[in-house]
Amino acid sequence: MAAAKSKKATKRTTTAKKRTSAKKTSTQKAAPRAADRADKSIEEFRDALERSYSLSRERIQEVVDDAVKRGRMTRKDANEMVNKLVSRGRKQTEELVKELDKARKDVERRAKRARREVQSRTSKARKQAGKRVNRATKAAVDAADEPLAQADKLRSRAGIPGFPITAYDELTAAQIKTRIGDLSKADARKVRTYEQNHKKRKSVLAAIDKRLAA
């Protein structure tokens, strides 16, 4: 039963990590997408404004040309009118374009701030989740420590194959050292080989060497 509790705790740990990772990916993508959409909308509006200006100029030219043909105004007056209207339209267009550029830069600044904020919040959330997972894992292992130790003793006496110390990677050096004295020399050598190939904790290796020298 204790081993089952340890497995459940490990499963909850893995699930929490996956949820944190998924949340990070989702939030990091949100800000850039919003900025891209805003930038695209501004560009489309700017192009539409330029097309509208060109079309208006052509229509004005057609109207005044017709007026000249009908004798309602001279060519000189017509040209002056067209130049004034075109100049005024161009000025308004340029002012709108400047406003659009200003708005785009503002959107970019906000997007950058949003990305930094998302990254900061994600980093904090990941750290907090990691701490909670570590605490939960430690609590589960601590609760199961004594039952697991007793189970290991019984398995060793019965000659059942398997690694000598259950949940070895989750145990602290102090917890491992309390179990070394109960190991046979053959099991102690297995534990020493594993420790040497992984964490290489001097206190654990020293305790194992002491057991082997006994």
Protein backbone atom coordinates (compact mmCIF):
# COMPACT_ATOMS: atom_id res chain seq x y z
CA MET A 1 0.00 0.00 0.00
CA ALA A 2 2.85 2.38 0.79
CA ALA A 3 4.39 1.73 -2.63
CA ALA A 4 1.02 2.51 -4.23
CA LYS A 5 0.89 5.85 -2.38
CA SER A 6 4.36 6.69 -3.66
CA LYS A 7 3.31 5.88 -7.24
CA LYS A 8 0.20 8.07 -6.91
CA ALA A 9 2.31 10.96 -5.63
CA THR A 10 4.69 10.57 -8.60
CA LYS A 11 1.71 10.53 -11.00
CA ARG A 12 0.32 13.73 -9.47
CA THR A 13 3.75 15.33 -9.80
CA THR A 14 3.98 14.47 -13.51
CA THR A 15 0.43 15.75 -14.16
CA ALA A 16 1.16 19.07 -12.40
CA LYS A 17 4.31 19.57 -14.46
CA LYS A 18 2.44 18.90 -17.72
CA ARG A 19 -0.29 21.39 -16.80
CA THR A 20 2.29 24.06 -15.95
CA SER A 21 4.11 23.49 -19.25
CA ALA A 22 0.88 23.67 -21.26
CA LYS A 23 -0.16 26.90 -19.52
CA LYS A 24 3.23 28.43 -20.22
CA THR A 25 3.02 27.63 -23.95
CA SER A 26 -0.50 29.03 -24.23
CA THR A 27 0.22 32.34 -22.46
CA GLN A 28 3.48 32.96 -24.29
CA LYS A 29 1.73 32.69 -27.68
CA ALA A 30 -1.20 34.99 -26.80
CA ALA A 31 0.65 38.35 -26.69
CA PRO A 32 2.58 37.98 -30.02
CA ARG A 33 -0.61 36.89 -31.83
CA ALA A 34 -2.51 39.95 -30.58
CA ALA A 35 0.32 42.26 -31.69
CA ASP A 36 0.46 40.63 -35.14
CA ARG A 37 -3.28 41.06 -35.62
CA ALA A 38 -3.14 44.72 -34.62
CA ASP A 39 -0.17 45.38 -36.93
CA LYS A 40 -1.93 43.67 -39.85
CA SER A 41 -5.10 45.68 -39.29
CA ILE A 42 -3.16 48.95 -39.31
CA GLU A 43 -1.39 48.04 -42.54
CA GLU A 44 -4.67 47.11 -44.21
CA PHE A 45 -6.28 50.40 -43.14
CA ARG A 46 -3.27 52.35 -44.39
CA ASP A 47 -3.46 50.65 -47.80
CA ALA A 48 -7.20 51.32 -47.99
CA LEU A 49 -6.59 54.98 -47.20
CA GLU A 50 -4.02 55.29 -49.98
CA ARG A 51 -6.39 53.65 -52.48
CA SER A 52 -9.22 55.93 -51.42
CA TYR A 53 -7.00 59.01 -51.87
CA SER A 54 -5.99 57.96 -55.40
CA LEU A 55 -9.60 57.24 -56.37
CA SER A 56 -10.83 60.59 -54.99
CA ARG A 57 -8.17 62.45 -56.97
CA GLU A 58 -9.25 60.75 -60.19
CA ARG A 59 -12.92 61.63 -59.58
CA ILE A 60 -12.10 65.25 -58.83
CA GLN A 61 -10.10 65.46 -62.05
CA GLU A 62 -13.00 63.99 -64.02
CA VAL A 63 -15.49 66.51 -62.54
CA VAL A 64 -13.38 69.59 -63.27
CA ASP A 65 -12.50 68.36 -66.76
CA ASP A 66 -16.20 68.05 -67.48
CA ALA A 67 -16.79 71.55 -66.11
CA VAL A 68 -14.08 72.97 -68.40
CA LYS A 69 -15.60 71.22 -71.43
CA ARG A 70 -18.98 72.73 -70.62
CA GLY A 71 -17.47 76.17 -70.28
CA ARG A 72 -18.36 76.52 -66.63
CA MET A 73 -14.77 77.29 -65.61
CA THR A 74 -11.43 77.97 -67.21
CA ARG A 75 -8.64 75.45 -67.35
CA LYS A 76 -6.56 77.65 -65.06
CA ASP A 77 -9.28 77.77 -62.40
CA ALA A 78 -9.81 74.04 -62.79
CA ASN A 79 -6.11 73.29 -62.26
CA GLU A 80 -5.95 75.54 -59.21
CA MET A 81 -9.00 73.83 -57.72
CA VAL A 82 -7.59 70.37 -58.35
CA ASN A 83 -4.22 71.33 -56.87
CA LYS A 84 -5.84 72.77 -53.73
CA LEU A 85 -8.11 69.80 -53.20
CA VAL A 86 -5.31 67.32 -53.89
CA SER A 87 -2.94 69.19 -51.59
CA ARG A 88 -5.53 69.25 -48.82
CA GLY A 89 -6.30 65.56 -49.32
CA ARG A 90 -2.62 64.65 -49.31
CA LYS A 91 -2.07 66.57 -46.10
CA GLN A 92 -4.96 64.82 -44.39
CA THR A 93 -3.72 61.47 -45.64
CA GLU A 94 -0.21 62.12 -44.33
CA GLU A 95 -1.59 63.15 -40.95
CA LEU A 96 -3.66 59.98 -40.74
CA VAL A 97 -0.63 57.89 -41.77
CA LYS A 98 1.41 59.50 -38.99
CA GLU A 99 -1.33 58.68 -36.51
CA LEU A 100 -1.36 55.10 -37.77
CA ASP A 101 2.41 54.78 -37.38
CA LYS A 102 2.14 56.21 -33.89
CA ALA A 103 -0.63 53.74 -33.06
CA ARG A 104 1.41 50.85 -34.43
CA LYS A 105 4.43 51.77 -32.32
CA ASP A 106 2.17 52.03 -29.29
CA VAL A 107 0.78 48.56 -30.02
CA GLU A 108 4.31 47.17 -30.34
CA ARG A 109 5.32 48.70 -27.00
CA ARG A 110 2.25 47.26 -25.31
CA ALA A 111 2.89 43.86 -26.89
CA LYS A 112 6.46 43.85 -25.58
CA ARG A 113 5.28 44.77 -22.11
CA ALA A 114 2.63 42.03 -22.33
CA ARG A 115 5.23 39.45 -23.39
CA ARG A 116 7.53 40.43 -20.53
CA GLU A 117 4.65 40.24 -18.08
CA VAL A 118 3.55 36.84 -19.41
CA GLN A 119 7.11 35.50 -19.18
CA SER A 120 7.49 36.86 -15.65
CA ARG A 121 4.18 35.39 -14.48
CA THR A 122 4.92 32.07 -16.18
CA SER A 123 8.34 31.88 -14.53
CA LYS A 124 6.85 32.60 -11.12
CA ALA A 125 4.05 30.08 -11.66
CA ARG A 126 6.55 27.44 -12.75
CA LYS A 127 8.71 28.02 -9.68
CA GLN A 128 5.72 27.93 -7.35
CA ALA A 129 4.42 24.75 -9.00
CA GLY A 130 7.86 23.19 -8.68
CA LYS A 131 7.99 24.02 -4.98
CA ARG A 132 4.51 22.59 -4.40
CA VAL A 133 5.42 19.43 -6.30
CA ASN A 134 8.63 19.02 -4.32
CA ARG A 135 6.81 19.52 -1.03
CA ALA A 136 4.10 17.04 -2.02
CA THR A 137 6.68 14.48 -3.12
CA LYS A 138 8.71 14.89 0.07
CA ALA A 139 5.58 14.59 2.22
CA ALA A 140 4.53 11.42 0.41
CA VAL A 141 7.97 9.85 0.72
CA ASP A 142 8.28 10.83 4.39
CA ALA A 143 4.89 9.31 5.15
CA ALA A 144 5.83 6.09 3.38
CA ASP A 145 9.45 5.95 4.60
CA GLU A 146 9.03 3.56 7.53
CA PRO A 147 6.55 1.21 5.78
CA LEU A 148 8.83 1.05 2.74
CA ALA A 149 11.84 0.30 4.91
CA GLN A 150 9.98 -2.57 6.56
CA ALA A 151 8.85 -3.84 3.15
CA ASP A 152 12.45 -3.80 1.90
CA LYS A 153 13.56 -5.86 4.91
CA LEU A 154 10.87 -8.45 4.32
CA ARG A 155 11.66 -8.67 0.62
CA SER A 156 15.37 -9.12 1.34
CA ARG A 157 14.72 -11.88 3.86
CA ALA A 158 12.41 -13.64 1.44
CA GLY A 159 14.99 -13.41 -1.35
CA ILE A 160 12.62 -11.52 -3.67
CA PRO A 161 14.61 -9.87 -6.52
CA GLY A 162 14.59 -6.08 -7.01
CA PHE A 163 16.57 -3.00 -6.06
CA PRO A 164 17.38 -3.11 -2.34
CA ILE A 165 15.88 0.28 -1.44
CA THR A 166 12.41 1.25 -2.73
CA ALA A 167 11.92 4.86 -4.00
CA TYR A 168 15.67 5.37 -3.73
CA ASP A 169 15.81 8.51 -5.92
CA GLU A 170 13.18 10.26 -3.78
CA LEU A 171 14.92 9.58 -0.47
CA THR A 172 17.31 11.97 1.24
CA ALA A 173 20.87 10.99 2.08
CA ALA A 174 19.91 10.73 5.76
CA GLN A 175 17.01 8.38 4.96
CA ILE A 176 19.22 6.17 2.83
CA LYS A 177 21.94 5.94 5.50
CA THR A 178 19.41 4.67 8.06
CA ARG A 179 18.70 1.72 5.77
CA ILE A 180 22.24 0.77 4.80
CA GLY A 181 22.86 -1.08 8.06
CA ASP A 182 20.04 -3.52 7.23
CA LEU A 183 21.46 -4.40 3.80
CA SER A 184 23.39 -7.51 2.97
CA LYS A 185 26.82 -6.89 1.51
CA ALA A 186 25.59 -7.93 -1.92
CA ASP A 187 22.73 -5.43 -1.75
CA ALA A 188 25.06 -2.76 -0.35
CA ARG A 189 27.30 -3.20 -3.40
CA LYS A 190 24.27 -2.77 -5.70
CA VAL A 191 23.34 0.45 -3.93
CA ARG A 192 26.93 1.70 -4.05
CA THR A 193 27.17 1.11 -7.81
CA TYR A 194 23.90 2.97 -8.39
CA GLU A 195 24.89 5.89 -6.14
CA GLN A 196 28.31 6.16 -7.75
CA ASN A 197 26.74 6.32 -11.23
CA HIS A 198 24.16 8.95 -10.25
CA LYS A 199 24.28 11.45 -7.38
CA LYS A 200 27.69 10.42 -5.96
CA ARG A 201 26.91 11.69 -2.45
CA LYS A 202 30.00 11.31 -0.31
CA SER A 203 28.11 10.67 2.93
CA VAL A 204 26.10 7.87 1.35
CA LEU A 205 29.15 6.27 -0.27
CA ALA A 206 31.05 6.48 3.02
CA ALA A 207 28.20 4.77 4.87
CA ILE A 208 28.10 2.00 2.29
CA ASP A 209 31.87 1.51 2.43
CA LYS A 210 31.61 1.23 6.23
CA ARG A 211 28.94 -1.45 5.83
CA LEU A 212 31.04 -3.38 3.33
CA ALA A 213 34.08 -3.23 5.63
CA ALA A 214 32.16 -4.61 8.60
